[in-house]
Amino acid sequence: MDIRDANEIIACLPKERTVYRYCNDEYAAQLLAPKLGATGLPVREIRASRWGRLLDRKPVAAVLKHCGAAVLCDHHLLAMPRENDRSYVLTLGLWGWRRGNRGYYQTSRSGVNLVLQVNFDRGHDRTYQRMVRPVSKRDLNQSSHPICKRGRTTMAWVRLDIDLASGQALIEEVQTDWLRGAGWARSSAIRAIKQGRPNDVIWEVGAAKRLKPYCDYVLERHAGDWAEVALSAAIEFLIGEIGISQIWYHDSETGARLKKIEWSKPPRSIYTSLPRSFCLEKTSQAPDFVVSTAPKVLACRMKRGQESFWHMDATRKLN
């Protein structure tokens, strides 16, 4: 996207911190509630639609069991039980450069991406300092990636290419350094401890005997659903804050070709099971703003329906 559009979005949004609360499987209620309205829809009709799988997510299933209603309304979901409730802080950043190398920045077209950063709360940061006692300024994030540089610890981020003129957005990437790094650091710490070197400093971060318990803590709490949290925050941001109605998401193979990723491809599940769990539809239709700027060969393939994307229409009620 054009850097002026990205900066305009950042300038128009609140400058103070944006707290994002999330509990297990909350995305199911977030996706369903706007489609139900105050009058609701028959549960039988919901289950027969492509959104039916959301009824089996734990908080929604608990609501259905509790109310015993044949019709599900949005206010039912507002009262759903909250398990493992956590708070994050959302910030925005930029990634790329208007004349930059698309292969390096892994963007689908020239220009920049708007980055939604999902940061840990201060409680996590105090726990990290207390448990690890870091020996340097280095941590589990990569400073060259689009993490928050303003005193927040980024758990994950989502790169977005937004076309304001058409009301469309493409989710380019959902990624975490911190939790992936925690997994690697934990393995290194375990090896050092087993070899009788518990005081070895791992990755210039902290001693193995201190880093390992922290990694256990953060992985148990966040590793299972960090991508779910990040994508849920991004969809809510696009629809609620920017007013985007058409959301696109990369398919694994098409995304790699557009972003010129030949090596070290991201986990396939991020571009398969994750969008499917959010009820995005697989389609051979491509977003117009991507087709118009794609390399000629890829543009022709997309026009012929030979490439795949995931798609969500926020204006559609149910099917």
C-alpha atoms as a PDB file:
ATOM      1  CA  MET A   1       0.000   0.000   0.000  1.00  0.00           C
ATOM      2  CA  ASP A   2       1.050   3.605  -0.428  1.00  0.00           C
ATOM      3  CA  ILE A   3       2.990   4.899   2.558  1.00  0.00           C
ATOM      4  CA  ARG A   4       0.768   7.997   2.683  1.00  0.00           C
ATOM      5  CA  ASP A   5      -2.332   5.841   3.164  1.00  0.00           C
ATOM      6  CA  ALA A   6      -0.590   3.829   5.869  1.00  0.00           C
ATOM      7  CA  ASN A   7       0.528   6.958   7.710  1.00  0.00           C
ATOM      8  CA  GLU A   8      -2.972   8.430   7.399  1.00  0.00           C
ATOM      9  CA  ILE A   9      -4.475   5.356   9.077  1.00  0.00           C
ATOM     10  CA  ILE A  10      -1.933   5.534  11.904  1.00  0.00           C
ATOM     11  CA  ALA A  11      -2.546   9.273  12.350  1.00  0.00           C
ATOM     12  CA  CYS A  12      -6.334   8.857  12.526  1.00  0.00           C
ATOM     13  CA  LEU A  13      -6.309   6.175  15.219  1.00  0.00           C
ATOM     14  CA  PRO A  14      -5.902   6.793  18.972  1.00  0.00           C
ATOM     15  CA  LYS A  15      -2.317   7.412  20.039  1.00  0.00           C
ATOM     16  CA  GLU A  16      -2.769   5.858  23.477  1.00  0.00           C
ATOM     17  CA  ARG A  17      -2.464   2.146  24.090  1.00  0.00           C
ATOM     18  CA  THR A  18      -5.236  -0.108  22.779  1.00  0.00           C
ATOM     19  CA  VAL A  19      -5.927  -2.972  25.165  1.00  0.00           C
ATOM     20  CA  TYR A  20      -7.157  -6.168  23.532  1.00  0.00           C
ATOM     21  CA  ARG A  21      -8.695  -8.763  25.840  1.00  0.00           C
ATOM     22  CA  TYR A  22      -8.966 -12.313  24.607  1.00  0.00           C
ATOM     23  CA  CYS A  23     -10.043 -15.675  25.997  1.00  0.00           C
ATOM     24  CA  ASN A  24      -9.879 -19.164  24.532  1.00  0.00           C
ATOM     25  CA  ASP A  25     -11.742 -19.489  21.203  1.00  0.00           C
ATOM     26  CA  GLU A  26     -13.263 -16.029  21.541  1.00  0.00           C
ATOM     27  CA  TYR A  27     -12.879 -15.522  17.789  1.00  0.00           C
ATOM     28  CA  ALA A  28     -15.892 -17.812  17.278  1.00  0.00           C
ATOM     29  CA  ALA A  29     -18.188 -15.398  19.118  1.00  0.00           C
ATOM     30  CA  GLN A  30     -16.583 -12.379  17.437  1.00  0.00           C
ATOM     31  CA  LEU A  31     -17.323 -13.807  14.010  1.00  0.00           C
ATOM     32  CA  LEU A  32     -20.825 -15.079  14.795  1.00  0.00           C
ATOM     33  CA  ALA A  33     -22.319 -12.184  16.779  1.00  0.00           C
ATOM     34  CA  PRO A  34     -22.530  -9.620  13.916  1.00  0.00           C
ATOM     35  CA  LYS A  35     -24.314 -12.187  11.734  1.00  0.00           C
ATOM     36  CA  LEU A  36     -26.981 -12.939  14.344  1.00  0.00           C
ATOM     37  CA  GLY A  37     -28.195  -9.534  15.450  1.00  0.00           C
ATOM     38  CA  ALA A  38     -30.632  -8.922  18.306  1.00  0.00           C
ATOM     39  CA  THR A  39     -33.353 -11.086  16.752  1.00  0.00           C
ATOM     40  CA  GLY A  40     -31.020 -14.025  16.216  1.00  0.00           C
ATOM     41  CA  LEU A  41     -31.084 -17.009  13.877  1.00  0.00           C
ATOM     42  CA  PRO A  42     -32.177 -20.623  14.315  1.00  0.00           C
ATOM     43  CA  VAL A  43     -29.307 -22.783  15.534  1.00  0.00           C
ATOM     44  CA  ARG A  44     -30.261 -25.347  12.889  1.00  0.00           C
ATOM     45  CA  GLU A  45     -29.735 -22.738  10.154  1.00  0.00           C
ATOM     46  CA  ILE A  46     -26.384 -21.658  11.565  1.00  0.00           C
ATOM     47  CA  ARG A  47     -25.157 -25.233  11.789  1.00  0.00           C
ATOM     48  CA  ALA A  48     -26.071 -25.873   8.150  1.00  0.00           C
ATOM     49  CA  SER A  49     -23.985 -22.894   7.011  1.00  0.00           C
ATOM     50  CA  ARG A  50     -20.220 -22.684   6.635  1.00  0.00           C
ATOM     51  CA  TRP A  51     -20.191 -20.871  10.003  1.00  0.00           C
ATOM     52  CA  GLY A  52     -21.619 -23.953  11.710  1.00  0.00           C
ATOM     53  CA  ARG A  53     -18.227 -25.158  12.914  1.00  0.00           C
ATOM     54  CA  LEU A  54     -18.064 -22.130  15.222  1.00  0.00           C
ATOM     55  CA  LEU A  55     -20.936 -23.555  17.272  1.00  0.00           C
ATOM     56  CA  ASP A  56     -18.608 -26.319  18.453  1.00  0.00           C
ATOM     57  CA  ARG A  57     -15.981 -23.961  19.868  1.00  0.00           C
ATOM     58  CA  LYS A  58     -16.000 -24.236  23.646  1.00  0.00           C
ATOM     59  CA  PRO A  59     -17.408 -20.809  24.698  1.00  0.00           C
ATOM     60  CA  VAL A  60     -20.175 -20.876  22.075  1.00  0.00           C
ATOM     61  CA  ALA A  61     -21.043 -24.483  22.885  1.00  0.00           C
ATOM     62  CA  ALA A  62     -21.264 -23.514  26.577  1.00  0.00           C
ATOM     63  CA  VAL A  63     -23.679 -20.693  25.699  1.00  0.00           C
ATOM     64  CA  LEU A  64     -25.897 -23.063  23.721  1.00  0.00           C
ATOM     65  CA  LYS A  65     -25.902 -25.580  26.552  1.00  0.00           C
ATOM     66  CA  HIS A  66     -26.738 -22.927  29.129  1.00  0.00           C
ATOM     67  CA  CYS A  67     -29.519 -21.096  27.291  1.00  0.00           C
ATOM     68  CA  GLY A  68     -30.970 -24.170  25.608  1.00  0.00           C
ATOM     69  CA  ALA A  69     -32.329 -21.902  22.898  1.00  0.00           C
ATOM     70  CA  ALA A  70     -33.347 -22.941  19.414  1.00  0.00           C
ATOM     71  CA  VAL A  71     -32.478 -19.402  18.335  1.00  0.00           C
ATOM     72  CA  LEU A  72     -29.049 -17.873  19.006  1.00  0.00           C
ATOM     73  CA  CYS A  73     -28.819 -14.075  19.421  1.00  0.00           C
ATOM     74  CA  ASP A  74     -25.841 -11.757  19.692  1.00  0.00           C
ATOM     75  CA  HIS A  75     -26.608 -10.974  23.350  1.00  0.00           C
ATOM     76  CA  HIS A  76     -26.253 -14.665  24.184  1.00  0.00           C
ATOM     77  CA  LEU A  77     -22.654 -14.522  22.993  1.00  0.00           C
ATOM     78  CA  LEU A  78     -21.931 -11.336  24.911  1.00  0.00           C
ATOM     79  CA  ALA A  79     -22.631 -13.276  28.101  1.00  0.00           C
ATOM     80  CA  MET A  80     -20.423 -16.244  27.225  1.00  0.00           C
ATOM     81  CA  PRO A  81     -18.010 -17.632  29.879  1.00  0.00           C
ATOM     82  CA  ARG A  82     -14.433 -16.362  29.659  1.00  0.00           C
ATOM     83  CA  GLU A  83     -11.677 -18.901  30.303  1.00  0.00           C
ATOM     84  CA  ASN A  84      -7.971 -18.109  30.377  1.00  0.00           C
ATOM     85  CA  ASP A  85      -8.728 -14.420  29.859  1.00  0.00           C
ATOM     86  CA  ARG A  86      -5.616 -12.448  28.835  1.00  0.00           C
ATOM     87  CA  SER A  87      -4.844  -8.858  27.957  1.00  0.00           C
ATOM     88  CA  TYR A  88      -2.632  -7.664  25.128  1.00  0.00           C
ATOM     89  CA  VAL A  89      -1.696  -4.215  23.886  1.00  0.00           C
ATOM     90  CA  LEU A  90      -2.094  -3.404  20.184  1.00  0.00           C
ATOM     91  CA  THR A  91       0.216  -1.011  18.358  1.00  0.00           C
ATOM     92  CA  LEU A  92       0.744  -0.131  14.696  1.00  0.00           C
ATOM     93  CA  GLY A  93       3.885   0.021  12.615  1.00  0.00           C
ATOM     94  CA  LEU A  94       5.141   0.028   9.042  1.00  0.00           C
ATOM     95  CA  TRP A  95       7.065  -2.559   7.073  1.00  0.00           C
ATOM     96  CA  GLY A  96       8.763  -2.198   3.700  1.00  0.00           C
ATOM     97  CA  TRP A  97       9.774   0.707   1.530  1.00  0.00           C
ATOM     98  CA  ARG A  98       8.064   2.213  -1.507  1.00  0.00           C
ATOM     99  CA  ARG A  99      10.972   1.302  -3.822  1.00  0.00           C
ATOM    100  CA  GLY A 100      12.174  -1.631  -1.785  1.00  0.00           C
ATOM    101  CA  ASN A 101      12.960  -5.165  -2.916  1.00  0.00           C
ATOM    102  CA  ARG A 102       9.671  -7.104  -2.683  1.00  0.00           C
ATOM    103  CA  GLY A 103      11.623 -10.329  -2.331  1.00  0.00           C
ATOM    104  CA  TYR A 104      13.399  -9.009   0.759  1.00  0.00           C
ATOM    105  CA  TYR A 105      10.328  -7.451   2.377  1.00  0.00           C
ATOM    106  CA  GLN A 106       8.044 -10.314   1.232  1.00  0.00           C
ATOM    107  CA  THR A 107       5.239  -7.976   0.173  1.00  0.00           C
ATOM    108  CA  SER A 108       2.807  -8.874  -2.599  1.00  0.00           C
ATOM    109  CA  ARG A 109       3.216  -5.532  -4.317  1.00  0.00           C
ATOM    110  CA  SER A 110       5.492  -2.506  -4.120  1.00  0.00           C
ATOM    111  CA  GLY A 111       4.990  -0.147  -1.225  1.00  0.00           C
ATOM    112  CA  VAL A 112       4.587  -0.797   2.477  1.00  0.00           C
ATOM    113  CA  ASN A 113       2.502  -2.948   4.792  1.00  0.00           C
ATOM    114  CA  LEU A 114       0.655  -1.700   7.834  1.00  0.00           C
ATOM    115  CA  VAL A 115       1.648  -3.898  10.775  1.00  0.00           C
ATOM    116  CA  LEU A 116      -0.674  -4.709  13.658  1.00  0.00           C
ATOM    117  CA  GLN A 117       1.553  -5.653  16.593  1.00  0.00           C
ATOM    118  CA  VAL A 118       0.085  -7.789  19.379  1.00  0.00           C
ATOM    119  CA  ASN A 119       2.163  -7.053  22.469  1.00  0.00           C
ATOM    120  CA  PHE A 120       2.318  -8.708  25.873  1.00  0.00           C
ATOM    121  CA  ASP A 121       0.981  -6.761  28.844  1.00  0.00           C
ATOM    122  CA  ARG A 122       3.170  -5.336  31.602  1.00  0.00           C
ATOM    123  CA  GLY A 123       2.443  -8.327  33.824  1.00  0.00           C
ATOM    124  CA  HIS A 124       4.215 -10.586  31.354  1.00  0.00           C
ATOM    125  CA  ASP A 125       7.143  -8.181  31.039  1.00  0.00           C
ATOM    126  CA  ARG A 126       7.634  -8.092  34.820  1.00  0.00           C
ATOM    127  CA  THR A 127       7.511 -11.896  34.913  1.00  0.00           C
ATOM    128  CA  TYR A 128      10.119 -12.085  32.158  1.00  0.00           C
ATOM    129  CA  GLN A 129      12.459  -9.715  34.009  1.00  0.00           C
ATOM    130  CA  ARG A 130      11.982 -11.515  37.330  1.00  0.00           C
ATOM    131  CA  MET A 131      12.421 -15.045  36.000  1.00  0.00           C
ATOM    132  CA  VAL A 132      15.152 -14.519  33.382  1.00  0.00           C
ATOM    133  CA  ARG A 133      17.151 -11.612  34.841  1.00  0.00           C
ATOM    134  CA  PRO A 134      18.393 -10.675  31.338  1.00  0.00           C
ATOM    135  CA  VAL A 135      22.126 -10.051  31.040  1.00  0.00           C
ATOM    136  CA  SER A 136      21.864  -7.791  27.972  1.00  0.00           C
ATOM    137  CA  LYS A 137      19.360  -5.838  25.899  1.00  0.00           C
ATOM    138  CA  ARG A 138      18.918  -8.789  23.570  1.00  0.00           C
ATOM    139  CA  ASP A 139      15.666 -10.738  23.905  1.00  0.00           C
ATOM    140  CA  LEU A 140      13.693 -13.391  21.986  1.00  0.00           C
ATOM    141  CA  ASN A 141      12.556 -11.053  19.205  1.00  0.00           C
ATOM    142  CA  GLN A 142      14.476 -10.174  16.050  1.00  0.00           C
ATOM    143  CA  SER A 143      15.038  -6.427  15.936  1.00  0.00           C
ATOM    144  CA  SER A 144      15.033  -6.460  12.114  1.00  0.00           C
ATOM    145  CA  HIS A 145      11.404  -7.626  12.047  1.00  0.00           C
ATOM    146  CA  PRO A 146       8.307  -5.381  12.372  1.00  0.00           C
ATOM    147  CA  ILE A 147       8.034  -5.528  16.169  1.00  0.00           C
ATOM    148  CA  CYS A 148       7.050  -2.624  18.401  1.00  0.00           C
ATOM    149  CA  LYS A 149      10.040  -0.384  19.140  1.00  0.00           C
ATOM    150  CA  ARG A 150       8.257   1.775  21.723  1.00  0.00           C
ATOM    151  CA  GLY A 151       8.801  -0.063  24.981  1.00  0.00           C
ATOM    152  CA  ARG A 152       6.442  -2.960  24.328  1.00  0.00           C
ATOM    153  CA  THR A 153       7.293  -6.659  23.973  1.00  0.00           C
ATOM    154  CA  THR A 154       5.716  -7.995  20.782  1.00  0.00           C
ATOM    155  CA  MET A 155       4.244 -11.482  20.982  1.00  0.00           C
ATOM    156  CA  ALA A 156       3.105 -11.593  17.335  1.00  0.00           C
ATOM    157  CA  TRP A 157       2.310  -9.346  14.413  1.00  0.00           C
ATOM    158  CA  VAL A 158       0.090  -9.297  11.329  1.00  0.00           C
ATOM    159  CA  ARG A 159       1.189  -7.571   8.115  1.00  0.00           C
ATOM    160  CA  LEU A 160      -1.657  -5.940   6.189  1.00  0.00           C
ATOM    161  CA  ASP A 161      -1.893  -4.527   2.671  1.00  0.00           C
ATOM    162  CA  ILE A 162      -4.948  -2.266   2.599  1.00  0.00           C
ATOM    163  CA  ASP A 163      -6.624  -0.698  -0.428  1.00  0.00           C
ATOM    164  CA  LEU A 164      -8.804   2.094   0.958  1.00  0.00           C
ATOM    165  CA  ALA A 165     -10.386   2.920  -2.417  1.00  0.00           C
ATOM    166  CA  SER A 166     -11.981  -0.521  -2.788  1.00  0.00           C
ATOM    167  CA  GLY A 167     -12.478  -1.304   0.897  1.00  0.00           C
ATOM    168  CA  GLN A 168     -10.316  -4.422   0.618  1.00  0.00           C
ATOM    169  CA  ALA A 169      -7.377  -5.752   2.597  1.00  0.00           C
ATOM    170  CA  LEU A 170      -4.926  -8.599   2.149  1.00  0.00           C
ATOM    171  CA  ILE A 171      -3.461 -10.327   5.192  1.00  0.00           C
ATOM    172  CA  GLU A 172       0.136 -10.867   4.134  1.00  0.00           C
ATOM    173  CA  GLU A 173       1.635 -12.595   7.154  1.00  0.00           C
ATOM    174  CA  VAL A 174       0.855 -13.782  10.679  1.00  0.00           C
ATOM    175  CA  GLN A 175       4.101 -14.314  12.575  1.00  0.00           C
ATOM    176  CA  THR A 176       5.795 -14.627  15.954  1.00  0.00           C
ATOM    177  CA  ASP A 177       9.465 -14.333  16.813  1.00  0.00           C
ATOM    178  CA  TRP A 178       9.092 -14.420  20.584  1.00  0.00           C
ATOM    179  CA  LEU A 179       7.380 -17.779  20.935  1.00  0.00           C
ATOM    180  CA  ARG A 180       9.388 -19.431  18.190  1.00  0.00           C
ATOM    181  CA  GLY A 181      12.528 -18.106  19.871  1.00  0.00           C
ATOM    182  CA  ALA A 182      11.303 -19.363  23.233  1.00  0.00           C
ATOM    183  CA  GLY A 183      11.018 -22.859  21.793  1.00  0.00           C
ATOM    184  CA  TRP A 184      14.554 -22.790  20.422  1.00  0.00           C
ATOM    185  CA  ALA A 185      15.986 -21.156  23.550  1.00  0.00           C
ATOM    186  CA  ARG A 186      14.301 -23.747  25.749  1.00  0.00           C
ATOM    187  CA  SER A 187      15.951 -26.587  23.792  1.00  0.00           C
ATOM    188  CA  SER A 188      19.357 -24.921  24.128  1.00  0.00           C
ATOM    189  CA  ALA A 189      18.807 -24.344  27.846  1.00  0.00           C
ATOM    190  CA  ILE A 190      17.821 -27.976  28.424  1.00  0.00           C
ATOM    191  CA  ARG A 191      20.976 -29.175  26.663  1.00  0.00           C
ATOM    192  CA  ALA A 192      23.163 -26.880  28.755  1.00  0.00           C
ATOM    193  CA  ILE A 193      21.500 -27.990  32.001  1.00  0.00           C
ATOM    194  CA  LYS A 194      21.849 -31.690  31.114  1.00  0.00           C
ATOM    195  CA  GLN A 195      25.529 -31.139  30.378  1.00  0.00           C
ATOM    196  CA  GLY A 196      26.064 -29.616  33.808  1.00  0.00           C
ATOM    197  CA  ARG A 197      26.312 -26.001  32.596  1.00  0.00           C
ATOM    198  CA  PRO A 198      23.203 -24.339  34.086  1.00  0.00           C
ATOM    199  CA  ASN A 199      24.896 -20.927  34.223  1.00  0.00           C
ATOM    200  CA  ASP A 200      25.617 -20.806  30.476  1.00  0.00           C
ATOM    201  CA  VAL A 201      24.081 -17.699  28.927  1.00  0.00           C
ATOM    202  CA  ILE A 202      21.701 -18.661  26.104  1.00  0.00           C
ATOM    203  CA  TRP A 203      21.526 -16.344  23.071  1.00  0.00           C
ATOM    204  CA  GLU A 204      23.001 -13.503  25.168  1.00  0.00           C
ATOM    205  CA  VAL A 205      19.642 -13.391  26.953  1.00  0.00           C
ATOM    206  CA  GLY A 206      20.022 -15.150  30.290  1.00  0.00           C
ATOM    207  CA  ALA A 207      21.358 -18.161  32.167  1.00  0.00           C
ATOM    208  CA  ALA A 208      19.982 -21.537  31.115  1.00  0.00           C
ATOM    209  CA  LYS A 209      18.668 -22.310  34.609  1.00  0.00           C
ATOM    210  CA  ARG A 210      16.576 -19.111  34.548  1.00  0.00           C
ATOM    211  CA  LEU A 211      15.605 -19.016  30.897  1.00  0.00           C
ATOM    212  CA  LYS A 212      14.225 -22.553  30.793  1.00  0.00           C
ATOM    213  CA  PRO A 213      11.477 -22.003  33.446  1.00  0.00           C
ATOM    214  CA  TYR A 214      10.434 -18.770  31.736  1.00  0.00           C
ATOM    215  CA  CYS A 215      10.188 -20.508  28.352  1.00  0.00           C
ATOM    216  CA  ASP A 216       8.060 -23.228  29.946  1.00  0.00           C
ATOM    217  CA  TYR A 217       5.783 -20.533  31.364  1.00  0.00           C
ATOM    218  CA  VAL A 218       5.317 -18.467  28.201  1.00  0.00           C
ATOM    219  CA  LEU A 219       4.971 -21.440  25.863  1.00  0.00           C
ATOM    220  CA  GLU A 220       2.346 -23.106  28.046  1.00  0.00           C
ATOM    221  CA  ARG A 221       0.350 -19.870  28.225  1.00  0.00           C
ATOM    222  CA  HIS A 222       0.614 -18.621  24.631  1.00  0.00           C
ATOM    223  CA  ALA A 223       2.104 -21.134  22.182  1.00  0.00           C
ATOM    224  CA  GLY A 224      -1.163 -22.937  21.493  1.00  0.00           C
ATOM    225  CA  ASP A 225      -3.185 -19.980  20.244  1.00  0.00           C
ATOM    226  CA  TRP A 226      -0.916 -17.018  19.474  1.00  0.00           C
ATOM    227  CA  ALA A 227      -1.887 -17.122  15.774  1.00  0.00           C
ATOM    228  CA  GLU A 228      -5.575 -17.290  16.676  1.00  0.00           C
ATOM    229  CA  VAL A 229      -5.197 -14.230  18.928  1.00  0.00           C
ATOM    230  CA  ALA A 230      -3.276 -12.290  16.269  1.00  0.00           C
ATOM    231  CA  LEU A 231      -5.680 -13.070  13.420  1.00  0.00           C
ATOM    232  CA  SER A 232      -8.710 -12.341  15.590  1.00  0.00           C
ATOM    233  CA  ALA A 233      -7.245  -8.944  16.540  1.00  0.00           C
ATOM    234  CA  ALA A 234      -6.446  -8.189  12.887  1.00  0.00           C
ATOM    235  CA  ILE A 235      -9.942  -9.034  11.605  1.00  0.00           C
ATOM    236  CA  GLU A 236     -11.567  -6.987  14.370  1.00  0.00           C
ATOM    237  CA  PHE A 237      -9.211  -4.089  13.579  1.00  0.00           C
ATOM    238  CA  LEU A 238      -9.905  -4.195   9.828  1.00  0.00           C
ATOM    239  CA  ILE A 239     -13.680  -4.354  10.189  1.00  0.00           C
ATOM    240  CA  GLY A 240     -14.182  -2.207  13.279  1.00  0.00           C
ATOM    241  CA  GLU A 241     -11.475   0.441  12.975  1.00  0.00           C
ATOM    242  CA  ILE A 242     -10.831   0.756   9.230  1.00  0.00           C
ATOM    243  CA  GLY A 243     -14.254  -0.233   7.900  1.00  0.00           C
ATOM    244  CA  ILE A 244     -12.917  -2.916   5.574  1.00  0.00           C
ATOM    245  CA  SER A 245     -15.584  -5.284   4.268  1.00  0.00           C
ATOM    246  CA  GLN A 246     -13.558  -7.570   1.991  1.00  0.00           C
ATOM    247  CA  ILE A 247     -10.723  -9.437   3.688  1.00  0.00           C
ATOM    248  CA  TRP A 248      -8.320 -11.599   1.727  1.00  0.00           C
ATOM    249  CA  TYR A 249      -5.717 -13.977   3.078  1.00  0.00           C
ATOM    250  CA  HIS A 250      -2.876 -15.708   1.295  1.00  0.00           C
ATOM    251  CA  ASP A 251      -2.978 -19.325   0.267  1.00  0.00           C
ATOM    252  CA  SER A 252       0.323 -21.032   1.049  1.00  0.00           C
ATOM    253  CA  GLU A 253       1.544 -21.595  -2.524  1.00  0.00           C
ATOM    254  CA  THR A 254       0.139 -18.453  -4.144  1.00  0.00           C
ATOM    255  CA  GLY A 255       1.433 -16.345  -1.283  1.00  0.00           C
ATOM    256  CA  ALA A 256       4.928 -17.761  -1.652  1.00  0.00           C
ATOM    257  CA  ARG A 257       4.939 -16.982  -5.376  1.00  0.00           C
ATOM    258  CA  LEU A 258       3.625 -13.438  -4.937  1.00  0.00           C
ATOM    259  CA  LYS A 259       5.996 -12.652  -2.088  1.00  0.00           C
ATOM    260  CA  LYS A 260       8.938 -14.383  -3.805  1.00  0.00           C
ATOM    261  CA  ILE A 261       9.557 -16.776  -0.923  1.00  0.00           C
ATOM    262  CA  GLU A 262      11.719 -19.621  -2.164  1.00  0.00           C
ATOM    263  CA  TRP A 263      13.415 -20.765   1.041  1.00  0.00           C
ATOM    264  CA  SER A 264      12.395 -20.940   4.701  1.00  0.00           C
ATOM    265  CA  LYS A 265       8.699 -20.905   3.969  1.00  0.00           C
ATOM    266  CA  PRO A 266       6.446 -20.231   6.984  1.00  0.00           C
ATOM    267  CA  PRO A 267       4.501 -23.091   8.614  1.00  0.00           C
ATOM    268  CA  ARG A 268       1.895 -24.321   6.148  1.00  0.00           C
ATOM    269  CA  SER A 269      -0.801 -24.383   8.844  1.00  0.00           C
ATOM    270  CA  ILE A 270      -0.705 -20.577   9.049  1.00  0.00           C
ATOM    271  CA  TYR A 271      -2.047 -20.468   5.472  1.00  0.00           C
ATOM    272  CA  THR A 272      -4.319 -23.513   5.610  1.00  0.00           C
ATOM    273  CA  SER A 273      -5.883 -24.563   8.918  1.00  0.00           C
ATOM    274  CA  LEU A 274      -5.781 -21.084  10.480  1.00  0.00           C
ATOM    275  CA  PRO A 275      -7.902 -19.266   7.851  1.00  0.00           C
ATOM    276  CA  ARG A 276     -10.168 -22.309   7.569  1.00  0.00           C
ATOM    277  CA  SER A 277     -10.860 -22.222  11.310  1.00  0.00           C
ATOM    278  CA  PHE A 278     -11.978 -18.587  10.890  1.00  0.00           C
ATOM    279  CA  CYS A 279     -14.413 -19.691   8.175  1.00  0.00           C
ATOM    280  CA  LEU A 280     -12.635 -17.907   5.339  1.00  0.00           C
ATOM    281  CA  GLU A 281     -13.561 -19.415   1.969  1.00  0.00           C
ATOM    282  CA  LYS A 282     -11.018 -20.808  -0.458  1.00  0.00           C
ATOM    283  CA  THR A 283     -11.456 -19.101  -3.817  1.00  0.00           C
ATOM    284  CA  SER A 284      -9.778 -18.789  -7.203  1.00  0.00           C
ATOM    285  CA  GLN A 285     -10.806 -15.138  -7.317  1.00  0.00           C
ATOM    286  CA  ALA A 286      -7.976 -12.736  -6.525  1.00  0.00           C
ATOM    287  CA  PRO A 287      -8.219  -9.204  -5.057  1.00  0.00           C
ATOM    288  CA  ASP A 288      -8.244  -6.681  -7.893  1.00  0.00           C
ATOM    289  CA  PHE A 289      -5.635  -4.425  -6.340  1.00  0.00           C
ATOM    290  CA  VAL A 290      -3.182  -7.323  -6.239  1.00  0.00           C
ATOM    291  CA  VAL A 291      -3.887  -8.512  -9.790  1.00  0.00           C
ATOM    292  CA  SER A 292      -3.367  -5.017 -11.207  1.00  0.00           C
ATOM    293  CA  THR A 293       0.159  -4.772  -9.780  1.00  0.00           C
ATOM    294  CA  ALA A 294       1.323  -8.396 -10.016  1.00  0.00           C
ATOM    295  CA  PRO A 295       4.070  -9.561 -12.390  1.00  0.00           C
ATOM    296  CA  LYS A 296       2.621 -10.356 -15.808  1.00  0.00           C
ATOM    297  CA  VAL A 297       2.794 -14.150 -15.550  1.00  0.00           C
ATOM    298  CA  LEU A 298       1.190 -14.229 -12.110  1.00  0.00           C
ATOM    299  CA  ALA A 299      -1.423 -11.667 -13.110  1.00  0.00           C
ATOM    300  CA  CYS A 300      -2.455 -13.839 -16.069  1.00  0.00           C
ATOM    301  CA  ARG A 301      -2.675 -16.906 -13.836  1.00  0.00           C
ATOM    302  CA  MET A 302      -4.862 -15.042 -11.325  1.00  0.00           C
ATOM    303  CA  LYS A 303      -7.162 -13.736 -14.074  1.00  0.00           C
ATOM    304  CA  ARG A 304      -7.581 -17.312 -15.336  1.00  0.00           C
ATOM    305  CA  GLY A 305      -8.404 -18.536 -11.807  1.00  0.00           C
ATOM    306  CA  GLN A 306      -5.211 -20.596 -11.515  1.00  0.00           C
ATOM    307  CA  GLU A 307      -4.156 -19.164  -8.151  1.00  0.00           C
ATOM    308  CA  SER A 308      -5.899 -19.447  -4.787  1.00  0.00           C
ATOM    309  CA  PHE A 309      -6.744 -17.081  -1.931  1.00  0.00           C
ATOM    310  CA  TRP A 310      -8.845 -17.180   1.211  1.00  0.00           C
ATOM    311  CA  HIS A 311     -11.674 -14.649   1.417  1.00  0.00           C
ATOM    312  CA  MET A 312     -14.141 -13.214   3.925  1.00  0.00           C
ATOM    313  CA  ASP A 313     -17.037 -10.889   3.069  1.00  0.00           C
ATOM    314  CA  ALA A 314     -17.900  -9.005   6.259  1.00  0.00           C
ATOM    315  CA  THR A 315     -21.161  -7.746   4.777  1.00  0.00           C
ATOM    316  CA  ARG A 316     -22.666 -11.193   4.305  1.00  0.00           C
ATOM    317  CA  LYS A 317     -25.070 -12.319   6.991  1.00  0.00           C
ATOM    318  CA  LEU A 318     -24.676 -16.056   7.065  1.00  0.00           C
ATOM    319  CA  ASN A 319     -23.853 -17.960   3.868  1.00  0.00           C
END
